[in-house]
C-alpha cells in the first residue's frame, strides 16, 4: 500500500495547473499550497516538482519570470498561459471521469 503522499501518475500536472490558476507562484509556494489545500495529505517533493514545472513550461502551459519573493530573494514565478488554462480544463474533466469511475468500483457492495 502506498503512502498517502504518493500521487497518482499524471495528477501532479493537474495539481500544479490548478494551483497556478488564480495567480503566479514560485516553486516553494506551489508545493506549500498543494500541501495546505490537501489538509497536509499531499506533499510534493522538489525532485518531482521542478521537473514537472520544467515539463509544463516546455509544453507551453506555464511561463516563468524571475521576480522578488516575499522574503526579498529572487525566485522564478510561474503562471498559466492561455494554453495552460485550456489544458487545465481538459485535465479537470479527465480527472472527474477517472475519479468517478474509481469511486463506483470502490463503493461497489
PDB file of N, CA and C in Angstrom:
ATOM      1  N   UNK A   1       0.853  -1.182   0.000  1.00  0.00           N
ATOM      2  CA  UNK A   1       0.000   0.000   0.000  1.00  0.00           C
ATOM      3  C   UNK A   1       0.894   1.238   0.000  1.00  0.00           C
ATOM      4  N   UNK A   2       0.564   2.208  -0.852  1.00  0.00           N
ATOM      5  CA  UNK A   2       1.366   3.414  -0.964  1.00  0.00           C
ATOM      6  C   UNK A   2       1.121   4.378   0.187  1.00  0.00           C
ATOM      7  N   UNK A   3       2.048   5.279   0.348  1.00  0.00           N
ATOM      8  CA  UNK A   3       1.875   6.336   1.343  1.00  0.00           C
ATOM      9  C   UNK A   3       0.784   7.289   0.850  1.00  0.00           C
ATOM     10  N   UNK A   4       0.096   7.980   1.770  1.00  0.00           N
ATOM     11  CA  UNK A   4      -0.926   8.929   1.337  1.00  0.00           C
ATOM     12  C   UNK A   4      -0.372  10.040   0.447  1.00  0.00           C
ATOM     13  N   UNK A   5       0.915  10.318   0.584  1.00  0.00           N
ATOM     14  CA  UNK A   5       1.501  11.401  -0.207  1.00  0.00           C
ATOM     15  C   UNK A   5       1.834  10.977  -1.635  1.00  0.00           C
ATOM     16  N   UNK A   6       1.746   9.679  -1.941  1.00  0.00           N
ATOM     17  CA  UNK A   6       2.021   9.228  -3.302  1.00  0.00           C
ATOM     18  C   UNK A   6       0.945   9.749  -4.241  1.00  0.00           C
ATOM     19  N   UNK A   7       1.361  10.386  -5.326  1.00  0.00           N
ATOM     20  CA  UNK A   7       0.403  10.943  -6.268  1.00  0.00           C
ATOM     21  C   UNK A   7       0.148   9.969  -7.403  1.00  0.00           C
ATOM     22  N   UNK A   8      -1.098   9.870  -7.801  1.00  0.00           N
ATOM     23  CA  UNK A   8      -1.447   9.058  -8.957  1.00  0.00           C
ATOM     24  C   UNK A   8      -0.706   9.630 -10.158  1.00  0.00           C
ATOM     25  N   UNK A   9      -0.172   8.739 -10.978  1.00  0.00           N
ATOM     26  CA  UNK A   9       0.569   9.166 -12.166  1.00  0.00           C
ATOM     27  C   UNK A   9      -0.256  10.188 -12.953  1.00  0.00           C
ATOM     28  N   UNK A  10       0.344  11.310 -13.284  1.00  0.00           N
ATOM     29  CA  UNK A  10      -0.330  12.310 -14.090  1.00  0.00           C
ATOM     30  C   UNK A  10      -1.102  13.356 -13.318  1.00  0.00           C
ATOM     31  N   UNK A  11      -1.328  13.155 -12.030  1.00  0.00           N
ATOM     32  CA  UNK A  11      -2.116  14.144 -11.283  1.00  0.00           C
ATOM     33  C   UNK A  11      -1.288  15.360 -10.881  1.00  0.00           C
ATOM     34  N   UNK A  12       0.019  15.231 -10.844  1.00  0.00           N
ATOM     35  CA  UNK A  12       0.848  16.365 -10.443  1.00  0.00           C
ATOM     36  C   UNK A  12       0.659  17.545 -11.393  1.00  0.00           C
ATOM     37  N   UNK A  13       0.600  17.272 -12.693  1.00  0.00           N
ATOM     38  CA  UNK A  13       0.385  18.353 -13.660  1.00  0.00           C
ATOM     39  C   UNK A  13      -0.916  19.085 -13.359  1.00  0.00           C
ATOM     40  N   UNK A  14      -1.980  18.323 -13.118  1.00  0.00           N
ATOM     41  CA  UNK A  14      -3.283  18.914 -12.802  1.00  0.00           C
ATOM     42  C   UNK A  14      -3.198  19.773 -11.539  1.00  0.00           C
ATOM     43  N   UNK A  15      -2.545  19.260 -10.506  1.00  0.00           N
ATOM     44  CA  UNK A  15      -2.428  19.996  -9.251  1.00  0.00           C
ATOM     45  C   UNK A  15      -1.648  21.297  -9.429  1.00  0.00           C
ATOM     46  N   UNK A  16      -0.583  21.248 -10.194  1.00  0.00           N
ATOM     47  CA  UNK A  16       0.222  22.449 -10.438  1.00  0.00           C
ATOM     48  C   UNK A  16      -0.588  23.472 -11.229  1.00  0.00           C
ATOM     49  N   UNK A  17      -1.227  23.024 -12.314  1.00  0.00           N
ATOM     50  CA  UNK A  17      -2.013  23.940 -13.134  1.00  0.00           C
ATOM     51  C   UNK A  17      -3.123  24.584 -12.313  1.00  0.00           C
ATOM     52  N   UNK A  18      -3.803  23.777 -11.499  1.00  0.00           N
ATOM     53  CA  UNK A  18      -4.887  24.298 -10.671  1.00  0.00           C
ATOM     54  C   UNK A  18      -4.360  25.303  -9.640  1.00  0.00           C
ATOM     55  N   UNK A  19      -3.223  25.001  -9.046  1.00  0.00           N
ATOM     56  CA  UNK A  19      -2.628  25.886  -8.044  1.00  0.00           C
ATOM     57  C   UNK A  19      -2.220  27.222  -8.649  1.00  0.00           C
ATOM     58  N   UNK A  20      -1.823  27.213  -9.913  1.00  0.00           N
ATOM     59  CA  UNK A  20      -1.403  28.447 -10.576  1.00  0.00           C
ATOM     60  C   UNK A  20      -2.567  29.210 -11.206  1.00  0.00           C
ATOM     61  N   UNK A  21      -3.769  28.630 -11.209  1.00  0.00           N
ATOM     62  CA  UNK A  21      -4.883  29.287 -11.915  1.00  0.00           C
ATOM     63  C   UNK A  21      -5.250  30.658 -11.348  1.00  0.00           C
ATOM     64  N   UNK A  22      -5.228  30.874 -10.020  1.00  0.00           N
ATOM     65  CA  UNK A  22      -5.589  32.217  -9.561  1.00  0.00           C
ATOM     66  C   UNK A  22      -4.464  33.248  -9.718  1.00  0.00           C
ATOM     67  N   UNK A  23      -3.206  32.824  -9.543  1.00  0.00           N
ATOM     68  CA  UNK A  23      -2.097  33.786  -9.600  1.00  0.00           C
ATOM     69  C   UNK A  23      -0.764  33.068  -9.746  1.00  0.00           C
ATOM     70  N   UNK A  24       0.247  33.822 -10.160  1.00  0.00           N
ATOM     71  CA  UNK A  24       1.600  33.283 -10.303  1.00  0.00           C
ATOM     72  C   UNK A  24       2.164  32.939  -8.921  1.00  0.00           C
ATOM     73  N   UNK A  25       2.961  31.874  -8.876  1.00  0.00           N
ATOM     74  CA  UNK A  25       3.609  31.459  -7.625  1.00  0.00           C
ATOM     75  C   UNK A  25       4.993  30.910  -7.955  1.00  0.00           C
ATOM     76  N   UNK A  26       5.877  30.964  -6.959  1.00  0.00           N
ATOM     77  CA  UNK A  26       7.180  30.327  -7.123  1.00  0.00           C
ATOM     78  C   UNK A  26       7.066  28.874  -6.651  1.00  0.00           C
ATOM     79  N   UNK A  27       8.072  28.081  -6.957  1.00  0.00           N
ATOM     80  CA  UNK A  27       8.015  26.644  -6.700  1.00  0.00           C
ATOM     81  C   UNK A  27       7.658  26.259  -5.278  1.00  0.00           C
ATOM     82  N   UNK A  28       8.349  26.861  -4.308  1.00  0.00           N
ATOM     83  CA  UNK A  28       8.092  26.509  -2.912  1.00  0.00           C
ATOM     84  C   UNK A  28       6.642  26.824  -2.546  1.00  0.00           C
ATOM     85  N   UNK A  29       6.117  27.954  -3.028  1.00  0.00           N
ATOM     86  CA  UNK A  29       4.737  28.345  -2.728  1.00  0.00           C
ATOM     87  C   UNK A  29       3.736  27.379  -3.368  1.00  0.00           C
ATOM     88  N   UNK A  30       4.067  26.848  -4.543  1.00  0.00           N
ATOM     89  CA  UNK A  30       3.193  25.866  -5.196  1.00  0.00           C
ATOM     90  C   UNK A  30       3.103  24.619  -4.318  1.00  0.00           C
ATOM     91  N   UNK A  31       4.255  24.119  -3.896  1.00  0.00           N
ATOM     92  CA  UNK A  31       4.291  22.908  -3.062  1.00  0.00           C
ATOM     93  C   UNK A  31       3.548  23.134  -1.747  1.00  0.00           C
ATOM     94  N   UNK A  32       3.765  24.281  -1.110  1.00  0.00           N
ATOM     95  CA  UNK A  32       3.092  24.579   0.166  1.00  0.00           C
ATOM     96  C   UNK A  32       1.584  24.691  -0.017  1.00  0.00           C
ATOM     97  N   UNK A  33       1.139  25.295  -1.108  1.00  0.00           N
ATOM     98  CA  UNK A  33      -0.295  25.462  -1.354  1.00  0.00           C
ATOM     99  C   UNK A  33      -0.967  24.105  -1.572  1.00  0.00           C
ATOM    100  N   UNK A  34      -0.339  23.228  -2.327  1.00  0.00           N
ATOM    101  CA  UNK A  34      -0.894  21.889  -2.549  1.00  0.00           C
ATOM    102  C   UNK A  34      -1.008  21.160  -1.209  1.00  0.00           C
ATOM    103  N   UNK A  35       0.033  21.259  -0.393  1.00  0.00           N
ATOM    104  CA  UNK A  35       0.032  20.622   0.918  1.00  0.00           C
ATOM    105  C   UNK A  35      -1.074  21.216   1.801  1.00  0.00           C
ATOM    106  N   UNK A  36      -1.185  22.530   1.792  1.00  0.00           N
ATOM    107  CA  UNK A  36      -2.175  23.223   2.625  1.00  0.00           C
ATOM    108  C   UNK A  36      -3.607  22.869   2.205  1.00  0.00           C
ATOM    109  N   UNK A  37      -3.908  22.959   0.916  1.00  0.00           N
ATOM    110  CA  UNK A  37      -5.269  22.700   0.447  1.00  0.00           C
ATOM    111  C   UNK A  37      -5.664  21.238   0.669  1.00  0.00           C
ATOM    112  N   UNK A  38      -4.692  20.334   0.581  1.00  0.00           N
ATOM    113  CA  UNK A  38      -4.994  18.905   0.744  1.00  0.00           C
ATOM    114  C   UNK A  38      -5.066  18.482   2.208  1.00  0.00           C
ATOM    115  N   UNK A  39      -5.007  19.446   3.108  1.00  0.00           N
ATOM    116  CA  UNK A  39      -5.052  19.111   4.528  1.00  0.00           C
ATOM    117  C   UNK A  39      -3.818  18.350   4.971  1.00  0.00           C
ATOM    118  N   UNK A  40      -2.674  18.712   4.396  1.00  0.00           N
ATOM    119  CA  UNK A  40      -1.376  18.105   4.730  1.00  0.00           C
ATOM    120  C   UNK A  40      -1.223  16.664   4.236  1.00  0.00           C
ATOM    121  N   UNK A  41      -2.136  16.192   3.384  1.00  0.00           N
ATOM    122  CA  UNK A  41      -2.056  14.815   2.880  1.00  0.00           C
ATOM    123  C   UNK A  41      -1.065  14.708   1.726  1.00  0.00           C
ATOM    124  N   UNK A  42      -1.113  15.666   0.806  1.00  0.00           N
ATOM    125  CA  UNK A  42      -0.237  15.626  -0.361  1.00  0.00           C
ATOM    126  C   UNK A  42       0.987  16.496  -0.123  1.00  0.00           C
ATOM    127  N   UNK A  43       2.147  15.896  -0.318  1.00  0.00           N
ATOM    128  CA  UNK A  43       3.403  16.628  -0.187  1.00  0.00           C
ATOM    129  C   UNK A  43       4.212  16.405  -1.460  1.00  0.00           C
ATOM    130  N   UNK A  44       4.435  17.485  -2.192  1.00  0.00           N
ATOM    131  CA  UNK A  44       5.174  17.399  -3.447  1.00  0.00           C
ATOM    132  C   UNK A  44       6.644  17.672  -3.155  1.00  0.00           C
ATOM    133  N   UNK A  45       7.466  16.702  -3.449  1.00  0.00           N
ATOM    134  CA  UNK A  45       8.904  16.836  -3.219  1.00  0.00           C
ATOM    135  C   UNK A  45       9.543  17.648  -4.343  1.00  0.00           C
ATOM    136  N   UNK A  46      10.626  18.354  -4.017  1.00  0.00           N
ATOM    137  CA  UNK A  46      11.321  19.168  -5.016  1.00  0.00           C
ATOM    138  C   UNK A  46      11.767  18.335  -6.215  1.00  0.00           C
ATOM    139  N   UNK A  47      12.154  17.088  -5.953  1.00  0.00           N
ATOM    140  CA  UNK A  47      12.609  16.204  -7.029  1.00  0.00           C
ATOM    141  C   UNK A  47      11.516  15.850  -8.018  1.00  0.00           C
ATOM    142  N   UNK A  48      10.263  16.027  -7.633  1.00  0.00           N
ATOM    143  CA  UNK A  48       9.127  15.827  -8.544  1.00  0.00           C
ATOM    144  C   UNK A  48       8.625  17.155  -9.090  1.00  0.00           C
ATOM    145  N   UNK A  49       8.600  18.175  -8.228  1.00  0.00           N
ATOM    146  CA  UNK A  49       8.012  19.460  -8.596  1.00  0.00           C
ATOM    147  C   UNK A  49       8.768  20.154  -9.720  1.00  0.00           C
ATOM    148  N   UNK A  50      10.078  20.313  -9.559  1.00  0.00           N
ATOM    149  CA  UNK A  50      10.814  21.120 -10.534  1.00  0.00           C
ATOM    150  C   UNK A  50      10.909  20.470 -11.912  1.00  0.00           C
ATOM    151  N   UNK A  51      11.085  19.151 -12.010  1.00  0.00           N
ATOM    152  CA  UNK A  51      10.994  18.543 -13.351  1.00  0.00           C
ATOM    153  C   UNK A  51       9.601  18.724 -13.974  1.00  0.00           C
ATOM    154  N   UNK A  52       8.550  18.659 -13.147  1.00  0.00           N
ATOM    155  CA  UNK A  52       7.187  18.859 -13.656  1.00  0.00           C
ATOM    156  C   UNK A  52       7.005  20.302 -14.144  1.00  0.00           C
ATOM    157  N   UNK A  53       7.506  21.271 -13.379  1.00  0.00           N
ATOM    158  CA  UNK A  53       7.417  22.669 -13.802  1.00  0.00           C
ATOM    159  C   UNK A  53       8.155  22.886 -15.123  1.00  0.00           C
ATOM    160  N   UNK A  54       9.325  22.286 -15.241  1.00  0.00           N
ATOM    161  CA  UNK A  54      10.101  22.400 -16.479  1.00  0.00           C
ATOM    162  C   UNK A  54       9.318  21.787 -17.645  1.00  0.00           C
ATOM    163  N   UNK A  55       8.740  20.615 -17.424  1.00  0.00           N
ATOM    164  CA  UNK A  55       7.964  19.924 -18.461  1.00  0.00           C
ATOM    165  C   UNK A  55       6.756  20.775 -18.888  1.00  0.00           C
ATOM    166  N   UNK A  56       6.039  21.346 -17.908  1.00  0.00           N
ATOM    167  CA  UNK A  56       4.868  22.175 -18.222  1.00  0.00           C
ATOM    168  C   UNK A  56       5.272  23.437 -18.981  1.00  0.00           C
ATOM    169  N   UNK A  57       6.445  23.960 -18.647  1.00  0.00           N
ATOM    170  CA  UNK A  57       6.953  25.135 -19.362  1.00  0.00           C
ATOM    171  C   UNK A  57       7.304  24.769 -20.804  1.00  0.00           C
ATOM    172  N   UNK A  58       7.921  23.607 -20.986  1.00  0.00           N
ATOM    173  CA  UNK A  58       8.265  23.128 -22.335  1.00  0.00           C
ATOM    174  C   UNK A  58       7.004  22.915 -23.178  1.00  0.00           C
ATOM    175  N   UNK A  59       5.916  22.478 -22.520  1.00  0.00           N
ATOM    176  CA  UNK A  59       4.640  22.249 -23.217  1.00  0.00           C
ATOM    177  C   UNK A  59       3.963  23.566 -23.594  1.00  0.00           C
ATOM    178  N   UNK A  60       4.410  24.668 -22.977  1.00  0.00           N
ATOM    179  CA  UNK A  60       3.794  25.959 -23.239  1.00  0.00           C
ATOM    180  C   UNK A  60       2.572  26.226 -22.369  1.00  0.00           C
ATOM    181  N   UNK A  61       2.388  25.418 -21.325  1.00  0.00           N
ATOM    182  CA  UNK A  61       1.214  25.570 -20.451  1.00  0.00           C
ATOM    183  C   UNK A  61       1.452  26.548 -19.312  1.00  0.00           C
ATOM    184  N   UNK A  62       2.724  26.762 -18.961  1.00  0.00           N
ATOM    185  CA  UNK A  62       3.075  27.765 -17.964  1.00  0.00           C
ATOM    186  C   UNK A  62       4.260  28.563 -18.498  1.00  0.00           C
ATOM    187  N   UNK A  63       4.435  29.751 -17.931  1.00  0.00           N
ATOM    188  CA  UNK A  63       5.614  30.554 -18.272  1.00  0.00           C
ATOM    189  C   UNK A  63       6.264  30.986 -16.962  1.00  0.00           C
ATOM    190  N   UNK A  64       7.549  31.243 -17.029  1.00  0.00           N
ATOM    191  CA  UNK A  64       8.299  31.595 -15.823  1.00  0.00           C
ATOM    192  C   UNK A  64       8.912  32.981 -15.971  1.00  0.00           C
ATOM    193  N   UNK A  65       8.995  33.672 -14.838  1.00  0.00           N
ATOM    194  CA  UNK A  65       9.595  35.006 -14.815  1.00  0.00           C
ATOM    195  C   UNK A  65      10.280  35.184 -13.465  1.00  0.00           C
ATOM    196  N   UNK A  66      11.498  35.712 -13.486  1.00  0.00           N
ATOM    197  CA  UNK A  66      12.213  35.987 -12.241  1.00  0.00           C
ATOM    198  C   UNK A  66      11.646  37.244 -11.599  1.00  0.00           C
ATOM    199  N   UNK A  67      11.408  37.181 -10.293  1.00  0.00           N
ATOM    200  CA  UNK A  67      10.910  38.331  -9.542  1.00  0.00           C
ATOM    201  C   UNK A  67      11.301  38.160  -8.084  1.00  0.00           C
ATOM    202  N   UNK A  68      11.078  39.197  -7.308  1.00  0.00           N
ATOM    203  CA  UNK A  68      11.418  39.147  -5.891  1.00  0.00           C
ATOM    204  C   UNK A  68      10.300  38.454  -5.109  1.00  0.00           C
ATOM    205  N   UNK A  69      10.682  37.494  -4.277  1.00  0.00           N
ATOM    206  CA  UNK A  69       9.698  36.774  -3.463  1.00  0.00           C
ATOM    207  C   UNK A  69       9.382  37.568  -2.204  1.00  0.00           C
ATOM    208  N   UNK A  70       8.464  37.053  -1.404  1.00  0.00           N
ATOM    209  CA  UNK A  70       8.070  37.744  -0.171  1.00  0.00           C
ATOM    210  C   UNK A  70       9.223  37.836   0.832  1.00  0.00           C
ATOM    211  N   UNK A  71      10.253  36.997   0.655  1.00  0.00           N
ATOM    212  CA  UNK A  71      11.415  37.052   1.554  1.00  0.00           C
ATOM    213  C   UNK A  71      12.494  38.022   1.042  1.00  0.00           C
ATOM    214  N   UNK A  72      12.244  38.623  -0.121  1.00  0.00           N
ATOM    215  CA  UNK A  72      13.215  39.556  -0.688  1.00  0.00           C
ATOM    216  C   UNK A  72      14.236  38.896  -1.597  1.00  0.00           C
ATOM    217  N   UNK A  73      14.136  37.585  -1.754  1.00  0.00           N
ATOM    218  CA  UNK A  73      15.065  36.874  -2.640  1.00  0.00           C
ATOM    219  C   UNK A  73      14.473  36.763  -4.040  1.00  0.00           C
ATOM    220  N   UNK A  74      15.357  36.604  -5.006  1.00  0.00           N
ATOM    221  CA  UNK A  74      14.905  36.381  -6.373  1.00  0.00           C
ATOM    222  C   UNK A  74      14.388  34.944  -6.489  1.00  0.00           C
ATOM    223  N   UNK A  75      13.249  34.777  -7.134  1.00  0.00           N
ATOM    224  CA  UNK A  75      12.668  33.451  -7.337  1.00  0.00           C
ATOM    225  C   UNK A  75      11.990  33.424  -8.699  1.00  0.00           C
ATOM    226  N   UNK A  76      11.894  32.230  -9.256  1.00  0.00           N
ATOM    227  CA  UNK A  76      11.211  32.056 -10.522  1.00  0.00           C
ATOM    228  C   UNK A  76       9.721  31.892 -10.227  1.00  0.00           C
ATOM    229  N   UNK A  77       8.909  32.799 -10.742  1.00  0.00           N
ATOM    230  CA  UNK A  77       7.463  32.728 -10.566  1.00  0.00           C
ATOM    231  C   UNK A  77       6.840  32.135 -11.820  1.00  0.00           C
ATOM    232  N   UNK A  78       5.934  31.199 -11.611  1.00  0.00           N
ATOM    233  CA  UNK A  78       5.275  30.500 -12.710  1.00  0.00           C
ATOM    234  C   UNK A  78       3.832  30.960 -12.814  1.00  0.00           C
ATOM    235  N   UNK A  79       3.347  31.109 -14.044  1.00  0.00           N
ATOM    236  CA  UNK A  79       1.952  31.480 -14.260  1.00  0.00           C
ATOM    237  C   UNK A  79       1.408  30.690 -15.446  1.00  0.00           C
ATOM    238  N   UNK A  80       0.084  30.554 -15.470  1.00  0.00           N
ATOM    239  CA  UNK A  80      -0.573  29.829 -16.558  1.00  0.00           C
ATOM    240  C   UNK A  80      -0.575  30.665 -17.828  1.00  0.00           C
ATOM    241  N   UNK A  81      -0.438  30.000 -18.955  1.00  0.00           N
ATOM    242  CA  UNK A  81      -0.629  30.636 -20.258  1.00  0.00           C
ATOM    243  C   UNK A  81      -2.065  30.319 -20.696  1.00  0.00           C
ATOM    244  N   UNK A  82      -2.489  30.892 -21.802  1.00  0.00           N
ATOM    245  CA  UNK A  82      -3.824  30.588 -22.341  1.00  0.00           C
ATOM    246  C   UNK A  82      -3.927  29.096 -22.639  1.00  0.00           C
ATOM    247  N   UNK A  83      -2.864  28.524 -23.197  1.00  0.00           N
ATOM    248  CA  UNK A  83      -2.856  27.082 -23.487  1.00  0.00           C
ATOM    249  C   UNK A  83      -2.938  26.283 -22.185  1.00  0.00           C
ATOM    250  N   UNK A  84      -2.326  26.807 -21.129  1.00  0.00           N
ATOM    251  CA  UNK A  84      -2.368  26.146 -19.827  1.00  0.00           C
ATOM    252  C   UNK A  84      -3.767  26.138 -19.239  1.00  0.00           C
ATOM    253  N   UNK A  85      -4.499  27.219 -19.431  1.00  0.00           N
ATOM    254  CA  UNK A  85      -5.895  27.270 -18.947  1.00  0.00           C
ATOM    255  C   UNK A  85      -6.751  26.246 -19.679  1.00  0.00           C
ATOM    256  N   UNK A  86      -6.539  26.123 -20.991  1.00  0.00           N
ATOM    257  CA  UNK A  86      -7.259  25.127 -21.780  1.00  0.00           C
ATOM    258  C   UNK A  86      -6.900  23.720 -21.304  1.00  0.00           C
ATOM    259  N   UNK A  87      -5.619  23.494 -21.072  1.00  0.00           N
ATOM    260  CA  UNK A  87      -5.164  22.188 -20.602  1.00  0.00           C
ATOM    261  C   UNK A  87      -5.736  21.880 -19.222  1.00  0.00           C
ATOM    262  N   UNK A  88      -5.816  22.875 -18.353  1.00  0.00           N
ATOM    263  CA  UNK A  88      -6.394  22.687 -17.022  1.00  0.00           C
ATOM    264  C   UNK A  88      -7.836  22.206 -17.135  1.00  0.00           C
ATOM    265  N   UNK A  89      -8.601  22.791 -18.036  1.00  0.00           N
ATOM    266  CA  UNK A  89      -9.987  22.352 -18.240  1.00  0.00           C
ATOM    267  C   UNK A  89     -10.040  20.897 -18.693  1.00  0.00           C
ATOM    268  N   UNK A  90      -9.176  20.535 -19.646  1.00  0.00           N
ATOM    269  CA  UNK A  90      -9.130  19.153 -20.142  1.00  0.00           C
ATOM    270  C   UNK A  90      -8.744  18.185 -19.033  1.00  0.00           C
ATOM    271  N   UNK A  91      -7.700  18.540 -18.281  1.00  0.00           N
ATOM    272  CA  UNK A  91      -7.215  17.671 -17.207  1.00  0.00           C
ATOM    273  C   UNK A  91      -8.265  17.518 -16.108  1.00  0.00           C
ATOM    274  N   UNK A  92      -8.984  18.601 -15.811  1.00  0.00           N
ATOM    275  CA  UNK A  92     -10.019  18.558 -14.780  1.00  0.00           C
ATOM    276  C   UNK A  92     -11.144  17.622 -15.196  1.00  0.00           C
ATOM    277  N   UNK A  93     -11.588  17.720 -16.439  1.00  0.00           N
ATOM    278  CA  UNK A  93     -12.649  16.828 -16.932  1.00  0.00           C
ATOM    279  C   UNK A  93     -12.190  15.371 -16.910  1.00  0.00           C
ATOM    280  N   UNK A  94     -10.966  15.144 -17.335  1.00  0.00           N
ATOM    281  CA  UNK A  94     -10.412  13.791 -17.332  1.00  0.00           C
ATOM    282  C   UNK A  94     -10.348  13.242 -15.911  1.00  0.00           C
ATOM    283  N   UNK A  95      -9.908  14.073 -14.953  1.00  0.00           N
ATOM    284  CA  UNK A  95      -9.826  13.648 -13.556  1.00  0.00           C
ATOM    285  C   UNK A  95     -11.210  13.308 -13.009  1.00  0.00           C
ATOM    286  N   UNK A  96     -12.204  14.120 -13.341  1.00  0.00           N
ATOM    287  CA  UNK A  96     -13.569  13.866 -12.865  1.00  0.00           C
ATOM    288  C   UNK A  96     -14.074  12.512 -13.374  1.00  0.00           C
ATOM    289  N   UNK A  97     -13.822  12.215 -14.641  1.00  0.00           N
ATOM    290  CA  UNK A  97     -14.241  10.916 -15.207  1.00  0.00           C
ATOM    291  C   UNK A  97     -13.518   9.765 -14.502  1.00  0.00           C
ATOM    292  N   UNK A  98     -12.202   9.892 -14.356  1.00  0.00           N
ATOM    293  CA  UNK A  98     -11.403   8.836 -13.755  1.00  0.00           C
ATOM    294  C   UNK A  98     -11.776   8.620 -12.290  1.00  0.00           C
ATOM    295  N   UNK A  99     -11.843   9.701 -11.509  1.00  0.00           N
ATOM    296  CA  UNK A  99     -12.146   9.545 -10.088  1.00  0.00           C
ATOM    297  C   UNK A  99     -13.572   9.059  -9.880  1.00  0.00           C
ATOM    298  N   UNK A 100     -14.494   9.471 -10.741  1.00  0.00           N
ATOM    299  CA  UNK A 100     -15.870   8.985 -10.661  1.00  0.00           C
ATOM    300  C   UNK A 100     -15.940   7.482 -10.908  1.00  0.00           C
ATOM    301  N   UNK A 101     -15.198   7.013 -11.906  1.00  0.00           N
ATOM    302  CA  UNK A 101     -15.173   5.582 -12.212  1.00  0.00           C
ATOM    303  C   UNK A 101     -14.548   4.788 -11.067  1.00  0.00           C
ATOM    304  N   UNK A 102     -13.475   5.298 -10.495  1.00  0.00           N
ATOM    305  CA  UNK A 102     -12.832   4.612  -9.370  1.00  0.00           C
ATOM    306  C   UNK A 102     -13.773   4.572  -8.174  1.00  0.00           C
ATOM    307  N   UNK A 103     -14.472   5.683  -7.912  1.00  0.00           N
ATOM    308  CA  UNK A 103     -15.440   5.711  -6.810  1.00  0.00           C
ATOM    309  C   UNK A 103     -16.531   4.662  -6.992  1.00  0.00           C
ATOM    310  N   UNK A 104     -16.993   4.482  -8.213  1.00  0.00           N
ATOM    311  CA  UNK A 104     -18.026   3.459  -8.471  1.00  0.00           C
ATOM    312  C   UNK A 104     -17.520   2.077  -8.093  1.00  0.00           C
ATOM    313  N   UNK A 105     -16.284   1.788  -8.427  1.00  0.00           N
ATOM    314  CA  UNK A 105     -15.711   0.476  -8.117  1.00  0.00           C
ATOM    315  C   UNK A 105     -15.491   0.330  -6.618  1.00  0.00           C
ATOM    316  N   UNK A 106     -14.921   1.354  -5.986  1.00  0.00           N
ATOM    317  CA  UNK A 106     -14.620   1.290  -4.546  1.00  0.00           C
ATOM    318  C   UNK A 106     -15.891   1.170  -3.734  1.00  0.00           C
ATOM    319  N   UNK A 107     -16.950   1.833  -4.134  1.00  0.00           N
ATOM    320  CA  UNK A 107     -18.190   1.817  -3.360  1.00  0.00           C
ATOM    321  C   UNK A 107     -19.083   0.623  -3.694  1.00  0.00           C
ATOM    322  N   UNK A 108     -18.682  -0.178  -4.657  1.00  0.00           N
ATOM    323  CA  UNK A 108     -19.459  -1.365  -5.031  1.00  0.00           C
ATOM    324  C   UNK A 108     -19.572  -2.299  -3.838  1.00  0.00           C
ATOM    325  N   UNK A 109     -20.805  -2.742  -3.557  1.00  0.00           N
ATOM    326  CA  UNK A 109     -21.116  -3.596  -2.419  1.00  0.00           C
ATOM    327  C   UNK A 109     -20.233  -4.762  -2.297  1.00  0.00           C
TER     328      UNK A 109
END
